[in-house]
């Protein structure tokens, strides 16, 4: 229209047509801009929603991971707690089992101690009653007997019974004293060979069995070591007395040997008597035990010997390889 109006010379309408065209073009561009802006706003809103969605998804994942971590920690803590509780329960159960076993052992030991005490009382009553009856009986006979030879024999029997009763009571007193204290025994330089020879000679004099011979064997003389002569004398007397009591015929030998390489002194008392069975070679060192229940004795001699030798730092045992009778060996350090 503007071209036609221009050719016709109607410039007014031509200008009007141009303006109309420009307005139309402006309006189209505005619509296009508005459409682009609306599209951009839509895309922006979609992007923001996507961003919010992704952020929300991340937050949900974080919360899920945090909850999972907390759950794992709770499970670990619960497992540790259960493990600790199980260990404590096992420990308590073990302690209860040990306590029950200890109670059982103590009860068994108390019962054994009660039995041993009863056996000891019975044995002591018998052992004390026998010499007392002999003393009383021979004393009454001594008052009425006129024959000098018979009176002498009665006095001898009274003396033997008195000595046996004295030895029994001395052993009991020594045992009580050694058990009641753990103080070390005083020691002094002692000639062991001389001591052994003296105790063997005394036992030879006290022995009333001519079928038994006595022998002393020493590798060297004059062996001196620090020990307690009084208690060692008690040990030797008990061993020699036991050897004489259980040997009807044969030989009793006391040996003394010095082992300088080990710095020990070995003393052994061997006999040709009834011996000790292998299964009882350790049992005989317990209290109130007797190999032959029909033989006189309180059953504390060997127990007292081991107690003394142990307090002196040594050891005492029944020689397992000796077959001719019984052999008991003492090892003392110096």
Protein backbone atom coordinates (compact mmCIF):
# COMPACT_ATOMS: atom_id res chain seq x y z
CA UNK A 1 0.00 0.00 0.00
CA UNK A 2 2.76 2.53 0.78
CA UNK A 3 4.40 1.84 -2.62
CA UNK A 4 1.11 2.32 -4.44
CA UNK A 5 0.29 5.52 -2.52
CA UNK A 6 3.81 6.78 -3.24
CA UNK A 7 3.45 6.19 -6.99
CA UNK A 8 0.09 7.88 -6.92
CA UNK A 9 1.68 10.79 -5.11
CA UNK A 10 -0.49 10.34 -2.07
CA UNK A 11 2.34 10.58 0.40
CA UNK A 12 0.07 11.01 3.36
CA UNK A 13 -1.53 7.64 2.98
CA UNK A 14 1.82 6.16 2.00
CA UNK A 15 3.26 7.40 5.32
CA UNK A 16 0.25 6.10 7.14
CA UNK A 17 0.67 2.70 5.50
CA UNK A 18 4.38 2.64 6.50
CA UNK A 19 3.51 3.50 10.07
CA UNK A 20 0.86 0.83 10.13
CA UNK A 21 3.44 -1.66 8.82
CA UNK A 22 5.92 -0.61 11.46
CA UNK A 23 3.32 -0.95 14.20
CA UNK A 24 2.45 -4.44 12.93
CA UNK A 25 6.13 -5.41 12.86
CA UNK A 26 6.68 -3.93 16.35
CA UNK A 27 3.69 -5.77 17.70
CA UNK A 28 4.92 -9.04 16.16
CA UNK A 29 8.40 -8.52 17.62
CA UNK A 30 6.86 -7.74 21.01
CA UNK A 31 4.76 -10.89 20.78
CA UNK A 32 7.84 -12.87 19.77
CA UNK A 33 9.82 -11.34 22.64
CA UNK A 34 7.02 -12.02 25.03
CA UNK A 35 6.75 -15.59 23.72
CA UNK A 36 10.55 -16.04 24.07
CA UNK A 37 10.44 -14.52 27.53
CA UNK A 38 7.58 -16.80 28.51
CA UNK A 39 9.49 -19.77 27.09
CA UNK A 40 12.64 -18.69 28.95
CA UNK A 41 10.65 -18.25 32.15
CA UNK A 42 9.17 -21.70 31.63
CA UNK A 43 12.64 -23.16 31.08
CA UNK A 44 13.89 -21.28 34.16
CA UNK A 45 11.06 -22.61 36.23
CA UNK A 46 11.71 -26.13 34.91
CA UNK A 47 15.44 -25.75 35.68
CA UNK A 48 14.70 -24.44 39.13
CA UNK A 49 12.35 -27.34 39.72
CA UNK A 50 14.98 -29.74 38.49
CA UNK A 51 17.52 -28.08 40.79
CA UNK A 52 15.14 -28.24 43.71
CA UNK A 53 14.42 -31.86 42.82
CA UNK A 54 18.11 -32.72 42.67
CA UNK A 55 18.78 -30.84 45.90
CA UNK A 56 15.85 -32.59 47.55
CA UNK A 57 17.12 -35.91 46.18
CA UNK A 58 20.58 -35.13 47.59
CA UNK A 59 19.10 -34.23 50.93
CA UNK A 60 17.06 -37.43 50.93
CA UNK A 61 20.18 -39.42 50.09
CA UNK A 62 22.13 -37.64 52.84
CA UNK A 63 19.36 -38.32 55.32
CA UNK A 64 19.23 -41.94 54.16
CA UNK A 65 23.03 -42.30 54.48
CA UNK A 66 22.95 -40.60 57.88
CA UNK A 67 20.14 -42.87 59.03
CA UNK A 68 21.97 -45.89 57.63
CA UNK A 69 25.18 -44.83 59.38
CA UNK A 70 23.33 -44.31 62.63
CA UNK A 71 21.67 -47.70 62.20
CA UNK A 72 25.03 -49.33 61.47
CA UNK A 73 26.55 -47.65 64.55
CA UNK A 74 23.61 -48.79 66.62
CA UNK A 75 24.03 -52.32 65.30
CA UNK A 76 27.78 -52.21 66.02
CA UNK A 77 27.15 -50.82 69.50
CA UNK A 78 24.51 -53.46 70.15
CA UNK A 79 26.84 -56.18 68.89
CA UNK A 80 29.67 -54.90 71.10
CA UNK A 81 27.29 -54.71 74.05
CA UNK A 82 26.07 -58.25 73.37
CA UNK A 83 29.69 -59.45 73.01
CA UNK A 84 30.69 -57.80 76.29
CA UNK A 85 27.63 -59.19 78.04
CA UNK A 86 28.31 -62.67 76.66
CA UNK A 87 31.94 -62.46 77.83
CA UNK A 88 30.84 -61.25 81.24
CA UNK A 89 28.27 -64.02 81.45
CA UNK A 90 30.90 -66.58 80.44
CA UNK A 91 33.31 -65.13 82.98
CA UNK A 92 30.64 -65.19 85.68
CA UNK A 93 29.74 -68.73 84.69
CA UNK A 94 33.41 -69.74 84.78
CA UNK A 95 33.83 -68.07 88.17
CA UNK A 96 30.73 -69.85 89.44
CA UNK A 97 32.05 -73.14 88.06
CA UNK A 98 35.45 -72.53 89.67
CA UNK A 99 33.76 -71.53 92.90
CA UNK A 100 31.62 -74.67 92.82
CA UNK A 101 34.69 -76.79 92.10
CA UNK A 102 36.59 -75.06 94.89
CA UNK A 103 33.66 -75.58 97.24
CA UNK A 104 33.58 -79.24 96.19
CA UNK A 105 37.32 -79.55 96.75
CA UNK A 106 37.12 -77.82 100.10
CA UNK A 107 34.18 -80.00 101.09
CA UNK A 108 36.08 -83.10 99.99
CA UNK A 109 39.18 -81.92 101.83
CA UNK A 110 37.08 -81.18 104.91
CA UNK A 111 35.57 -84.64 104.76
CA UNK A 112 39.00 -86.20 104.23
CA UNK A 113 40.39 -84.07 107.04
CA UNK A 114 37.55 -85.17 109.28
CA UNK A 115 38.18 -88.80 108.36
CA UNK A 116 41.91 -88.34 108.91
CA UNK A 117 41.23 -86.61 112.20
CA UNK A 118 39.00 -89.45 113.32
CA UNK A 119 41.57 -92.00 112.18
CA UNK A 120 44.30 -90.03 113.92
CA UNK A 121 42.35 -89.84 117.16
CA UNK A 122 41.65 -93.55 117.01
CA UNK A 123 45.27 -94.30 116.21
CA UNK A 124 46.56 -91.97 118.92
CA UNK A 125 44.18 -93.44 121.47
CA UNK A 126 45.46 -96.89 120.57
CA UNK A 127 49.11 -95.82 120.49
CA UNK A 128 48.85 -94.00 123.81
CA UNK A 129 46.73 -96.67 125.46
CA UNK A 130 49.18 -99.48 124.59
CA UNK A 131 52.23 -98.10 126.47
CA UNK A 132 50.03 -96.76 129.26
CA UNK A 133 48.48 -100.18 129.77
CA UNK A 134 51.95 -101.70 129.79
CA UNK A 135 53.18 -99.13 132.30
CA UNK A 136 50.14 -99.61 134.54
CA UNK A 137 50.20 -103.42 134.29
CA UNK A 138 53.91 -103.85 134.93
CA UNK A 139 53.80 -101.25 137.71
CA UNK A 140 51.10 -103.25 139.52
CA UNK A 141 53.09 -106.45 139.00
CA UNK A 142 56.22 -104.72 140.24
CA UNK A 143 54.49 -103.94 143.54
CA UNK A 144 53.67 -107.59 144.22
CA UNK A 145 56.57 -109.41 142.56
CA UNK A 146 59.44 -110.48 144.82
CA UNK A 147 61.73 -112.17 142.29
CA UNK A 148 64.59 -109.74 141.45
CA UNK A 149 64.93 -111.03 137.86
CA UNK A 150 61.22 -110.58 137.21
CA UNK A 151 61.25 -107.12 138.78
CA UNK A 152 64.18 -106.19 136.53
CA UNK A 153 62.28 -107.43 133.47
CA UNK A 154 59.20 -105.44 134.54
CA UNK A 155 61.29 -102.30 134.96
CA UNK A 156 62.77 -102.80 131.49
CA UNK A 157 59.32 -103.11 129.93
CA UNK A 158 58.13 -100.02 131.83
CA UNK A 159 61.16 -98.13 130.54
CA UNK A 160 60.46 -99.19 126.92
CA UNK A 161 56.81 -98.21 127.14
CA UNK A 162 57.71 -94.89 128.77
CA UNK A 163 60.23 -94.15 126.01
CA UNK A 164 57.74 -95.08 123.28
CA UNK A 165 55.12 -92.82 124.84
CA UNK A 166 57.66 -90.01 125.17
CA UNK A 167 58.73 -90.33 121.52
CA UNK A 168 55.10 -90.27 120.40
CA UNK A 169 54.32 -87.12 122.37
CA UNK A 170 57.55 -85.45 121.22
CA UNK A 171 56.65 -86.17 117.60
CA UNK A 172 53.23 -84.63 118.13
CA UNK A 173 54.71 -81.54 119.75
CA UNK A 174 57.31 -81.17 116.99
CA UNK A 175 54.65 -81.55 114.33
CA UNK A 176 52.41 -78.98 115.99
CA UNK A 177 55.29 -76.51 116.31
CA UNK A 178 56.42 -76.93 112.70
CA UNK A 179 52.89 -76.55 111.31
CA UNK A 180 52.04 -73.51 113.43
CA UNK A 181 54.95 -71.41 112.13
CA UNK A 182 56.74 -70.84 108.83
CA UNK A 183 59.84 -69.19 110.26
CA UNK A 184 63.13 -70.55 108.84
CA UNK A 185 64.86 -73.11 111.01
CA UNK A 186 68.12 -71.90 112.59
CA UNK A 187 71.20 -73.60 111.11
CA UNK A 188 74.81 -74.09 112.20
CA UNK A 189 77.84 -75.95 110.88
CA UNK A 190 77.28 -79.64 111.65
CA UNK A 191 79.43 -82.71 111.07
CA UNK A 192 76.90 -84.86 109.24
CA UNK A 193 79.05 -88.01 109.19
CA UNK A 194 79.53 -87.89 112.96
CA UNK A 195 75.82 -87.23 113.49
CA UNK A 196 74.83 -90.17 111.25
CA UNK A 197 77.29 -92.52 112.99
CA UNK A 198 75.96 -91.52 116.43
CA UNK A 199 72.30 -92.03 115.50
CA UNK A 200 73.02 -95.41 113.89
CA UNK A 201 74.95 -96.57 116.94
CA UNK A 202 72.11 -95.46 119.20
CA UNK A 203 69.60 -97.39 117.09
CA UNK A 204 71.87 -100.44 117.20
CA UNK A 205 71.85 -100.25 121.00
CA UNK A 206 68.08 -99.77 121.18
CA UNK A 207 67.35 -102.54 118.69
CA UNK A 208 66.41 -105.82 120.34
CA UNK A 209 66.45 -107.95 117.18
CA UNK A 210 69.72 -109.90 116.85
CA UNK A 211 68.72 -110.97 113.31
CA UNK A 212 69.17 -107.41 112.05
CA UNK A 213 72.63 -106.00 111.32
CA UNK A 214 73.58 -102.33 111.06
CA UNK A 215 76.12 -100.76 108.69
CA UNK A 216 77.35 -97.23 108.11
CA UNK A 217 78.86 -96.25 104.76
CA UNK A 218 80.47 -92.88 104.05
CA UNK A 219 82.61 -91.91 101.07
CA UNK A 220 84.56 -89.45 103.20
CA UNK A 221 84.66 -88.34 106.80
CA UNK A 222 84.21 -84.92 108.34
CA UNK A 223 81.52 -83.54 106.00
CA UNK A 224 80.24 -80.31 107.53
CA UNK A 225 77.30 -78.34 106.17
CA UNK A 226 75.04 -75.65 107.67
CA UNK A 227 71.90 -77.35 108.96
CA UNK A 228 69.76 -77.80 112.05
CA UNK A 229 71.27 -80.70 113.97
CA UNK A 230 68.29 -81.11 116.31
CA UNK A 231 65.67 -81.52 113.59
CA UNK A 232 67.97 -83.56 111.34
CA UNK A 233 68.48 -85.90 114.32
CA UNK A 234 64.69 -86.31 114.55
CA UNK A 235 64.58 -87.24 110.85
CA UNK A 236 67.37 -89.82 111.13
CA UNK A 237 65.87 -91.35 114.27
CA UNK A 238 62.46 -91.71 112.60
CA UNK A 239 63.94 -93.31 109.48
CA UNK A 240 66.14 -95.71 111.44
CA UNK A 241 63.27 -96.60 113.78
CA UNK A 242 60.97 -97.32 110.82
CA UNK A 243 63.64 -99.45 109.15
CA UNK A 244 64.10 -101.48 112.35
CA UNK A 245 60.34 -101.80 112.85
CA UNK A 246 59.67 -103.22 109.38
CA UNK A 247 62.80 -105.41 109.08
CA UNK A 248 62.43 -108.80 110.71
CA UNK A 249 65.84 -110.02 109.55
CA UNK A 250 68.60 -108.69 107.36
CA UNK A 251 70.49 -105.44 107.26
CA UNK A 252 69.94 -101.71 107.83
CA UNK A 253 72.41 -99.43 106.07
CA UNK A 254 72.95 -95.72 106.58
CA UNK A 255 74.85 -94.03 103.75
CA UNK A 256 76.27 -90.52 103.52
CA UNK A 257 77.64 -89.12 100.25
CA UNK A 258 78.85 -85.63 99.30
CA UNK A 259 78.19 -84.37 95.76
CA UNK A 260 80.51 -81.38 95.42
CA UNK A 261 79.56 -80.71 91.80
CA UNK A 262 75.93 -80.09 92.77
CA UNK A 263 76.78 -78.87 96.27
CA UNK A 264 74.39 -81.35 97.85
CA UNK A 265 74.67 -83.96 100.58
CA UNK A 266 72.79 -87.25 100.16
CA UNK A 267 71.80 -89.37 103.15
CA UNK A 268 69.97 -92.65 102.63
CA UNK A 269 68.54 -95.28 104.99
CA UNK A 270 67.98 -98.67 103.35
CA UNK A 271 66.75 -101.95 104.78
CA UNK A 272 65.80 -105.46 103.74
CA UNK A 273 62.30 -105.30 105.19
CA UNK A 274 58.84 -105.48 103.66
CA UNK A 275 59.38 -102.43 101.45
CA UNK A 276 56.81 -99.96 100.13
CA UNK A 277 54.66 -100.68 97.03
CA UNK A 278 55.32 -98.29 94.09
CA UNK A 279 51.80 -96.87 94.22
CA UNK A 280 52.27 -95.91 97.89
CA UNK A 281 55.78 -94.41 97.70
CA UNK A 282 54.38 -90.88 97.74
CA UNK A 283 51.31 -91.64 99.81
CA UNK A 284 53.40 -92.69 102.84
CA UNK A 285 54.56 -89.07 103.29
CA UNK A 286 51.02 -87.90 104.04
CA UNK A 287 49.70 -87.48 107.55
CA UNK A 288 48.32 -90.43 109.50
CA UNK A 289 49.21 -93.02 106.85
CA UNK A 290 50.62 -96.46 107.70
CA UNK A 291 51.90 -99.11 105.30
CA UNK A 292 51.04 -101.84 107.77
CA UNK A 293 48.03 -100.92 109.96
CA UNK A 294 48.90 -103.72 112.39
CA UNK A 295 52.31 -102.25 113.21
CA UNK A 296 52.49 -99.75 116.10
CA UNK A 297 52.89 -96.13 115.10
CA UNK A 298 50.94 -92.90 114.72
CA UNK A 299 51.45 -92.48 110.97
CA UNK A 300 53.12 -89.07 111.24
CA UNK A 301 56.79 -90.08 111.19
CA UNK A 302 57.46 -89.74 107.45
CA UNK A 303 55.19 -86.71 107.21
CA UNK A 304 57.24 -85.06 109.94
CA UNK A 305 60.45 -86.05 108.14
CA UNK A 306 59.33 -84.43 104.88
CA UNK A 307 58.16 -81.33 106.72
CA UNK A 308 61.54 -80.92 108.41
CA UNK A 309 63.62 -81.68 105.31
CA UNK A 310 61.55 -79.25 103.25
CA UNK A 311 62.00 -76.52 105.86
CA UNK A 312 65.75 -77.19 105.64
CA UNK A 313 65.63 -76.59 101.89
CA UNK A 314 66.08 -80.24 100.91
CA UNK A 315 64.03 -83.11 99.52
CA UNK A 316 63.14 -86.60 100.68
CA UNK A 317 61.83 -89.51 98.62
CA UNK A 318 61.51 -93.26 98.44
CA UNK A 319 64.13 -94.64 96.01
CA UNK A 320 62.01 -96.16 93.20
CA UNK A 321 64.77 -98.47 91.89
CA UNK A 322 65.53 -100.14 95.24
CA UNK A 323 64.03 -103.65 95.34
CA UNK A 324 65.67 -105.32 98.37
CA UNK A 325 63.30 -103.64 100.82
CA UNK A 326 62.89 -99.91 101.37
CA UNK A 327 65.34 -97.09 100.76
CA UNK A 328 64.60 -93.48 101.68
CA UNK A 329 66.98 -90.79 100.42
CA UNK A 330 67.46 -87.25 101.75
CA UNK A 331 69.10 -84.50 99.67
CA UNK A 332 70.32 -81.41 101.51
CA UNK A 333 71.86 -78.38 99.77
CA UNK A 334 74.80 -76.46 101.25
